[in-house]
């Protein structure tokens, strides 16, 4: 396990019609982090949009599940297993 990597999850609902709703504040938070710290481009992987970067020398994987909030655990668990990241290294932003 790469203990220097963290997963920061922004919860929200996919699709343009949900973009400005309060349930998407998690998406907004990780978008702002990605922009502020010049993270890589968003790409699709395992039912999520992901972006990688570093903050203070710590590798961070930003994650926006595309499975709606009530099913966000699906992509979070897939990504955490793929990268072998334990639950105590996953942080979640939500409304």
N, C-alpha and C. Protein backbone atom coordinates (compact mmCIF):
# COMPACT_ATOMS: atom_id res chain seq x y z
N UNK A 1 0.84 -1.19 0.00
CA UNK A 1 0.00 0.00 0.00
C UNK A 1 0.88 1.24 0.00
N UNK A 2 0.50 2.19 -0.83
CA UNK A 2 1.21 3.47 -0.90
C UNK A 2 0.61 4.39 0.16
N UNK A 3 1.24 4.46 1.35
CA UNK A 3 0.65 5.24 2.44
C UNK A 3 0.73 6.74 2.22
N UNK A 4 1.48 7.15 1.19
CA UNK A 4 1.55 8.59 0.95
C UNK A 4 0.38 9.08 0.10
N UNK A 5 -0.42 8.17 -0.46
CA UNK A 5 -1.55 8.58 -1.30
C UNK A 5 -2.83 8.66 -0.48
N UNK A 6 -3.58 9.73 -0.71
CA UNK A 6 -4.89 9.90 -0.10
C UNK A 6 -5.94 9.96 -1.20
N UNK A 7 -7.15 9.56 -0.87
CA UNK A 7 -8.28 9.75 -1.78
C UNK A 7 -9.20 10.78 -1.15
N UNK A 8 -9.47 11.84 -1.90
CA UNK A 8 -10.42 12.86 -1.48
C UNK A 8 -11.62 12.77 -2.40
N UNK A 9 -12.76 12.43 -1.84
CA UNK A 9 -13.98 12.20 -2.60
C UNK A 9 -14.91 13.39 -2.46
N UNK A 10 -15.38 13.89 -3.57
CA UNK A 10 -16.42 14.92 -3.57
C UNK A 10 -17.72 14.26 -3.99
N UNK A 11 -18.71 14.27 -3.11
CA UNK A 11 -19.99 13.65 -3.46
C UNK A 11 -20.88 14.63 -4.21
N UNK A 12 -21.68 14.09 -5.08
CA UNK A 12 -22.61 14.88 -5.87
C UNK A 12 -23.42 13.97 -6.78
N UNK A 13 -24.18 14.59 -7.62
CA UNK A 13 -24.99 13.86 -8.60
C UNK A 13 -24.54 14.27 -9.99
N UNK A 14 -24.39 13.31 -10.89
CA UNK A 14 -23.93 13.62 -12.25
C UNK A 14 -25.01 14.34 -13.07
N UNK A 15 -24.60 14.83 -14.19
CA UNK A 15 -25.44 15.47 -15.19
C UNK A 15 -25.61 16.97 -14.92
N UNK A 16 -25.71 17.68 -15.99
CA UNK A 16 -25.77 19.15 -15.99
C UNK A 16 -26.92 19.69 -15.13
N UNK A 17 -28.07 19.02 -15.15
CA UNK A 17 -29.23 19.55 -14.41
C UNK A 17 -29.02 19.57 -12.89
N UNK A 18 -28.04 18.82 -12.40
CA UNK A 18 -27.77 18.79 -10.96
C UNK A 18 -26.59 19.67 -10.56
N UNK A 19 -25.94 20.26 -11.54
CA UNK A 19 -24.67 20.95 -11.33
C UNK A 19 -24.65 21.96 -10.18
N UNK A 20 -25.64 22.80 -10.06
CA UNK A 20 -25.63 23.87 -9.06
C UNK A 20 -26.46 23.54 -7.81
N UNK A 21 -26.91 22.32 -7.67
CA UNK A 21 -27.71 21.95 -6.50
C UNK A 21 -26.81 21.75 -5.28
N UNK A 22 -27.38 21.92 -4.09
CA UNK A 22 -26.58 21.82 -2.86
C UNK A 22 -25.95 20.45 -2.68
N UNK A 23 -26.57 19.40 -3.21
CA UNK A 23 -25.98 18.07 -3.08
C UNK A 23 -24.67 17.94 -3.85
N UNK A 24 -24.37 18.89 -4.71
CA UNK A 24 -23.14 18.83 -5.49
C UNK A 24 -21.99 19.64 -4.90
N UNK A 25 -22.13 20.08 -3.67
CA UNK A 25 -21.06 20.87 -3.05
C UNK A 25 -19.76 20.06 -2.95
N UNK A 26 -19.85 18.76 -2.82
CA UNK A 26 -18.65 17.91 -2.81
C UNK A 26 -17.92 17.97 -4.14
N UNK A 27 -18.67 17.91 -5.24
CA UNK A 27 -18.07 18.05 -6.57
C UNK A 27 -17.39 19.42 -6.68
N UNK A 28 -18.10 20.44 -6.22
CA UNK A 28 -17.57 21.81 -6.29
C UNK A 28 -16.27 21.93 -5.49
N UNK A 29 -16.22 21.30 -4.33
CA UNK A 29 -15.02 21.38 -3.48
C UNK A 29 -13.81 20.75 -4.17
N UNK A 30 -13.97 19.54 -4.71
CA UNK A 30 -12.81 18.90 -5.35
C UNK A 30 -12.45 19.58 -6.67
N UNK A 31 -13.44 20.16 -7.36
CA UNK A 31 -13.12 20.95 -8.56
C UNK A 31 -12.23 22.13 -8.20
N UNK A 32 -12.58 22.80 -7.10
CA UNK A 32 -11.80 23.96 -6.65
C UNK A 32 -10.38 23.54 -6.22
N UNK A 33 -10.28 22.43 -5.52
CA UNK A 33 -8.96 21.91 -5.12
C UNK A 33 -8.12 21.60 -6.36
N UNK A 34 -8.72 20.91 -7.33
CA UNK A 34 -8.01 20.55 -8.56
C UNK A 34 -7.50 21.80 -9.28
N UNK A 35 -8.32 22.82 -9.32
CA UNK A 35 -7.94 24.07 -9.98
C UNK A 35 -6.85 24.81 -9.20
N UNK A 36 -7.05 24.96 -7.91
CA UNK A 36 -6.11 25.71 -7.06
C UNK A 36 -4.71 25.09 -7.03
N UNK A 37 -4.64 23.76 -7.07
CA UNK A 37 -3.36 23.07 -6.94
C UNK A 37 -2.88 22.45 -8.26
N UNK A 38 -3.46 22.88 -9.38
CA UNK A 38 -3.03 22.46 -10.72
C UNK A 38 -2.95 20.94 -10.87
N UNK A 39 -4.02 20.26 -10.47
CA UNK A 39 -4.09 18.81 -10.64
C UNK A 39 -4.21 18.47 -12.12
N UNK A 40 -4.01 17.21 -12.45
CA UNK A 40 -4.13 16.75 -13.83
C UNK A 40 -5.57 16.83 -14.31
N UNK A 41 -5.76 16.62 -15.59
CA UNK A 41 -7.09 16.63 -16.18
C UNK A 41 -7.96 15.53 -15.58
N UNK A 42 -9.26 15.79 -15.53
CA UNK A 42 -10.22 14.79 -15.08
C UNK A 42 -10.32 13.71 -16.14
N UNK A 43 -10.35 12.45 -15.69
CA UNK A 43 -10.56 11.34 -16.61
C UNK A 43 -11.53 10.35 -15.98
N UNK A 44 -12.12 9.51 -16.80
CA UNK A 44 -13.10 8.54 -16.30
C UNK A 44 -12.44 7.22 -15.95
N UNK A 45 -12.83 6.68 -14.80
CA UNK A 45 -12.30 5.39 -14.36
C UNK A 45 -13.26 4.82 -13.32
N UNK A 46 -13.72 3.61 -13.52
CA UNK A 46 -14.52 2.89 -12.53
C UNK A 46 -15.71 3.70 -11.99
N UNK A 47 -16.56 4.15 -12.88
CA UNK A 47 -17.77 4.88 -12.50
C UNK A 47 -17.48 6.21 -11.79
N UNK A 48 -16.36 6.83 -12.12
CA UNK A 48 -16.00 8.09 -11.46
C UNK A 48 -15.16 8.94 -12.39
N UNK A 49 -15.10 10.22 -12.06
CA UNK A 49 -14.12 11.12 -12.67
C UNK A 49 -13.00 11.25 -11.65
N UNK A 50 -11.76 11.10 -12.10
CA UNK A 50 -10.62 11.19 -11.18
C UNK A 50 -9.60 12.19 -11.72
N UNK A 51 -8.87 12.77 -10.78
CA UNK A 51 -7.79 13.69 -11.10
C UNK A 51 -6.70 13.48 -10.06
N UNK A 52 -5.46 13.48 -10.50
CA UNK A 52 -4.34 13.25 -9.59
C UNK A 52 -3.46 14.48 -9.48
N UNK A 53 -2.91 14.66 -8.29
CA UNK A 53 -1.99 15.76 -8.06
C UNK A 53 -1.32 15.62 -6.71
N UNK A 54 -0.64 16.69 -6.30
CA UNK A 54 0.06 16.69 -5.01
C UNK A 54 -0.24 17.97 -4.26
N UNK A 55 -0.32 17.83 -2.95
CA UNK A 55 -0.43 18.98 -2.06
C UNK A 55 0.56 18.73 -0.93
N UNK A 56 1.47 19.66 -0.73
CA UNK A 56 2.50 19.57 0.32
C UNK A 56 3.25 18.24 0.25
N UNK A 57 3.58 17.82 -0.98
CA UNK A 57 4.35 16.60 -1.16
C UNK A 57 3.56 15.30 -1.00
N UNK A 58 2.27 15.40 -0.77
CA UNK A 58 1.43 14.21 -0.57
C UNK A 58 0.60 13.97 -1.82
N UNK A 59 0.67 12.78 -2.38
CA UNK A 59 -0.11 12.45 -3.57
C UNK A 59 -1.58 12.33 -3.19
N UNK A 60 -2.43 13.02 -3.96
CA UNK A 60 -3.87 13.05 -3.72
C UNK A 60 -4.58 12.59 -4.99
N UNK A 61 -5.54 11.70 -4.82
CA UNK A 61 -6.42 11.30 -5.90
C UNK A 61 -7.79 11.90 -5.60
N UNK A 62 -8.23 12.83 -6.44
CA UNK A 62 -9.56 13.40 -6.30
C UNK A 62 -10.55 12.53 -7.05
N UNK A 63 -11.71 12.34 -6.47
CA UNK A 63 -12.69 11.42 -7.02
C UNK A 63 -14.07 12.04 -6.99
N UNK A 64 -14.76 11.99 -8.13
CA UNK A 64 -16.16 12.42 -8.21
C UNK A 64 -16.97 11.23 -8.73
N UNK A 65 -17.58 10.44 -7.83
CA UNK A 65 -18.39 9.30 -8.27
C UNK A 65 -19.50 9.75 -9.21
N UNK A 66 -19.76 8.96 -10.24
CA UNK A 66 -20.80 9.29 -11.22
C UNK A 66 -22.00 8.37 -11.08
N UNK A 67 -22.23 7.88 -9.89
CA UNK A 67 -23.29 6.91 -9.62
C UNK A 67 -24.41 7.48 -8.77
N UNK A 68 -24.50 8.79 -8.65
CA UNK A 68 -25.43 9.49 -7.77
C UNK A 68 -25.01 9.25 -6.32
N UNK A 69 -25.37 10.16 -5.46
CA UNK A 69 -24.90 10.14 -4.06
C UNK A 69 -25.24 8.85 -3.33
N UNK A 70 -26.45 8.35 -3.52
CA UNK A 70 -26.86 7.17 -2.75
C UNK A 70 -26.16 5.89 -3.19
N UNK A 71 -25.40 5.93 -4.28
CA UNK A 71 -24.65 4.75 -4.72
C UNK A 71 -23.15 5.06 -4.89
N UNK A 72 -22.70 6.13 -4.26
CA UNK A 72 -21.31 6.56 -4.44
C UNK A 72 -20.30 5.56 -3.90
N UNK A 73 -20.71 4.74 -2.95
CA UNK A 73 -19.80 3.74 -2.40
C UNK A 73 -19.30 2.74 -3.43
N UNK A 74 -20.06 2.56 -4.51
CA UNK A 74 -19.64 1.62 -5.55
C UNK A 74 -18.30 2.03 -6.14
N UNK A 75 -18.23 3.26 -6.64
CA UNK A 75 -16.97 3.69 -7.26
C UNK A 75 -15.88 3.93 -6.24
N UNK A 76 -16.24 4.40 -5.05
CA UNK A 76 -15.22 4.61 -4.01
C UNK A 76 -14.55 3.29 -3.66
N UNK A 77 -15.33 2.25 -3.48
CA UNK A 77 -14.74 0.95 -3.12
C UNK A 77 -13.92 0.37 -4.27
N UNK A 78 -14.40 0.55 -5.52
CA UNK A 78 -13.63 0.06 -6.67
C UNK A 78 -12.28 0.75 -6.76
N UNK A 79 -12.28 2.07 -6.62
CA UNK A 79 -11.04 2.84 -6.72
C UNK A 79 -10.10 2.52 -5.55
N UNK A 80 -10.64 2.45 -4.34
CA UNK A 80 -9.77 2.18 -3.18
C UNK A 80 -9.14 0.79 -3.28
N UNK A 81 -9.90 -0.18 -3.78
CA UNK A 81 -9.32 -1.53 -3.97
C UNK A 81 -8.26 -1.52 -5.07
N UNK A 82 -8.54 -0.84 -6.17
CA UNK A 82 -7.60 -0.77 -7.29
C UNK A 82 -6.27 -0.17 -6.86
N UNK A 83 -6.32 0.93 -6.10
CA UNK A 83 -5.10 1.61 -5.65
C UNK A 83 -4.60 1.08 -4.30
N UNK A 84 -5.32 0.11 -3.74
CA UNK A 84 -4.95 -0.49 -2.45
C UNK A 84 -4.83 0.57 -1.34
N UNK A 85 -5.86 1.41 -1.24
CA UNK A 85 -5.90 2.48 -0.25
C UNK A 85 -6.87 2.10 0.85
N UNK A 86 -6.42 2.15 2.08
CA UNK A 86 -7.28 1.77 3.21
C UNK A 86 -8.29 2.89 3.50
N UNK A 87 -9.38 2.52 4.15
CA UNK A 87 -10.47 3.45 4.43
C UNK A 87 -10.03 4.67 5.24
N UNK A 88 -9.02 4.51 6.09
CA UNK A 88 -8.59 5.65 6.91
C UNK A 88 -7.81 6.70 6.12
N UNK A 89 -7.58 6.44 4.84
CA UNK A 89 -6.91 7.42 3.97
C UNK A 89 -7.87 8.01 2.93
N UNK A 90 -9.17 7.84 3.18
CA UNK A 90 -10.21 8.37 2.30
C UNK A 90 -10.97 9.46 3.05
N UNK A 91 -11.07 10.63 2.44
CA UNK A 91 -11.78 11.76 3.03
C UNK A 91 -12.91 12.15 2.09
N UNK A 92 -14.07 12.48 2.65
CA UNK A 92 -15.26 12.73 1.85
C UNK A 92 -15.79 14.15 2.09
N UNK A 93 -16.03 14.87 0.99
CA UNK A 93 -16.62 16.20 1.02
C UNK A 93 -18.07 16.08 0.56
N UNK A 94 -19.00 16.59 1.35
CA UNK A 94 -20.43 16.51 1.00
C UNK A 94 -21.20 17.63 1.67
N UNK A 95 -22.47 17.77 1.27
CA UNK A 95 -23.29 18.84 1.82
C UNK A 95 -23.81 18.50 3.22
